[in-house]
Amino acid sequence: VEAYALRPRAAVDIRHDWAAADPVAVVVTSPRSAGVLVDAIGVPALASPWVVAIGDTTSERLRGLAIPHDVAPTADLARLAPWLESRLRATKATR
């Protein structure tokens, strides 16, 4: 009996949603999700949005993929959201 399963989405669905979202920022929550995302959209697609890693192991994976990124100050997504918003507003203000 499979009580719980976490599987990556189909790459075609990830690519479609990525193109539709045209993100300005992306939070990468695990080394595995970093790999799945890169497999689906490629490293060049991550050159434009601000990439933020949750934790050191995710940061190491992104570094290994040569993706510039920042490391989030917290893994608590509810507390992370205001930090992301303030950083994005500050970046917009300097443009």
Protein backbone atom coordinates (compact mmCIF):
# COMPACT_ATOMS: atom_id res chain seq x y z
CA VAL A 1 0.00 0.00 0.00
CA GLU A 2 1.39 3.33 -1.06
CA ALA A 3 0.38 5.70 1.72
CA TYR A 4 2.33 8.70 0.50
CA ALA A 5 4.19 9.54 -2.69
CA LEU A 6 5.96 12.63 -3.85
CA ARG A 7 6.80 12.60 -7.52
CA PRO A 8 8.09 15.32 -9.81
CA ARG A 9 5.61 16.83 -12.22
CA ALA A 10 6.03 16.16 -15.90
CA ALA A 11 8.74 18.35 -17.43
CA VAL A 12 6.34 19.60 -20.10
CA ASP A 13 3.95 20.83 -17.38
CA ILE A 14 6.78 22.55 -15.50
CA ARG A 15 7.96 24.28 -18.70
CA HIS A 16 4.43 25.42 -19.51
CA ASP A 17 3.82 26.82 -16.03
CA TRP A 18 7.26 28.47 -15.94
CA ALA A 19 6.62 30.26 -19.23
CA ALA A 20 3.16 31.35 -18.12
CA ALA A 21 4.41 32.65 -14.76
CA ASP A 22 7.47 34.51 -16.10
CA PRO A 23 8.77 34.64 -12.50
CA VAL A 24 10.89 37.43 -11.06
CA ALA A 25 11.92 35.18 -8.16
CA VAL A 26 12.01 31.47 -7.41
CA VAL A 27 12.45 29.77 -4.05
CA VAL A 28 14.13 26.39 -4.37
CA THR A 29 13.22 24.25 -1.39
CA SER A 30 15.40 21.16 -1.85
CA PRO A 31 18.33 19.78 -3.83
CA ARG A 32 15.94 17.40 -5.59
CA SER A 33 13.58 20.19 -6.65
CA ALA A 34 16.58 22.12 -7.99
CA GLY A 35 17.50 19.17 -10.18
CA VAL A 36 13.94 18.60 -11.38
CA LEU A 37 13.53 22.29 -12.22
CA VAL A 38 16.81 22.45 -14.13
CA ASP A 39 16.01 19.24 -15.98
CA ALA A 40 12.70 20.76 -17.07
CA ILE A 41 13.65 24.35 -17.95
CA GLY A 42 17.45 24.38 -18.15
CA VAL A 43 20.04 26.48 -16.35
CA PRO A 44 19.72 29.50 -18.73
CA ALA A 45 16.07 29.99 -17.68
CA LEU A 46 17.29 30.62 -14.13
CA ALA A 47 19.59 33.46 -15.17
CA SER A 48 16.87 36.11 -15.05
CA PRO A 49 14.79 35.50 -11.91
CA TRP A 50 16.18 35.95 -8.43
CA VAL A 51 16.91 32.45 -7.15
CA VAL A 52 16.72 31.80 -3.40
CA ALA A 53 17.78 28.51 -1.81
CA ILE A 54 16.26 27.11 1.35
CA GLY A 55 19.19 25.75 3.32
CA ASP A 56 22.79 24.84 2.78
CA THR A 57 22.27 21.54 0.92
CA THR A 58 20.01 23.23 -1.62
CA SER A 59 22.55 26.02 -1.96
CA GLU A 60 25.31 23.46 -2.59
CA ARG A 61 23.20 21.83 -5.33
CA LEU A 62 22.55 25.18 -7.01
CA ARG A 63 26.23 26.07 -6.76
CA GLY A 64 27.07 22.72 -8.38
CA LEU A 65 24.70 23.63 -11.22
CA ALA A 66 26.41 27.04 -11.55
CA ILE A 67 23.20 28.91 -10.70
CA PRO A 68 23.72 32.24 -8.90
CA HIS A 69 21.50 32.44 -5.84
CA ASP A 70 21.01 33.75 -2.34
CA VAL A 71 20.34 31.62 0.73
CA ALA A 72 17.12 32.35 2.58
CA PRO A 73 17.48 33.53 6.16
CA THR A 74 14.77 31.05 7.25
CA ALA A 75 13.16 27.83 6.06
CA ASP A 76 9.79 28.99 7.38
CA LEU A 77 7.99 30.02 4.20
CA ALA A 78 5.49 32.19 6.08
CA ARG A 79 8.34 34.21 7.59
CA LEU A 80 10.30 34.14 4.35
CA ALA A 81 7.57 35.81 2.29
CA PRO A 82 7.92 39.28 3.87
CA TRP A 83 11.70 39.11 3.47
CA LEU A 84 11.33 38.24 -0.22
CA GLU A 85 8.80 41.02 -0.75
CA SER A 86 10.98 43.64 0.89
CA ARG A 87 14.04 42.58 -1.11
CA LEU A 88 12.05 42.64 -4.36
CA ARG A 89 10.67 46.12 -3.55
CA ALA A 90 14.18 47.38 -2.77
CA THR A 91 15.49 45.96 -6.05
CA LYS A 92 12.64 47.61 -7.98
CA ALA A 93 13.35 50.94 -6.32
CA THR A 94 16.97 50.91 -7.50
CA ARG A 95 16.10 50.26 -11.14
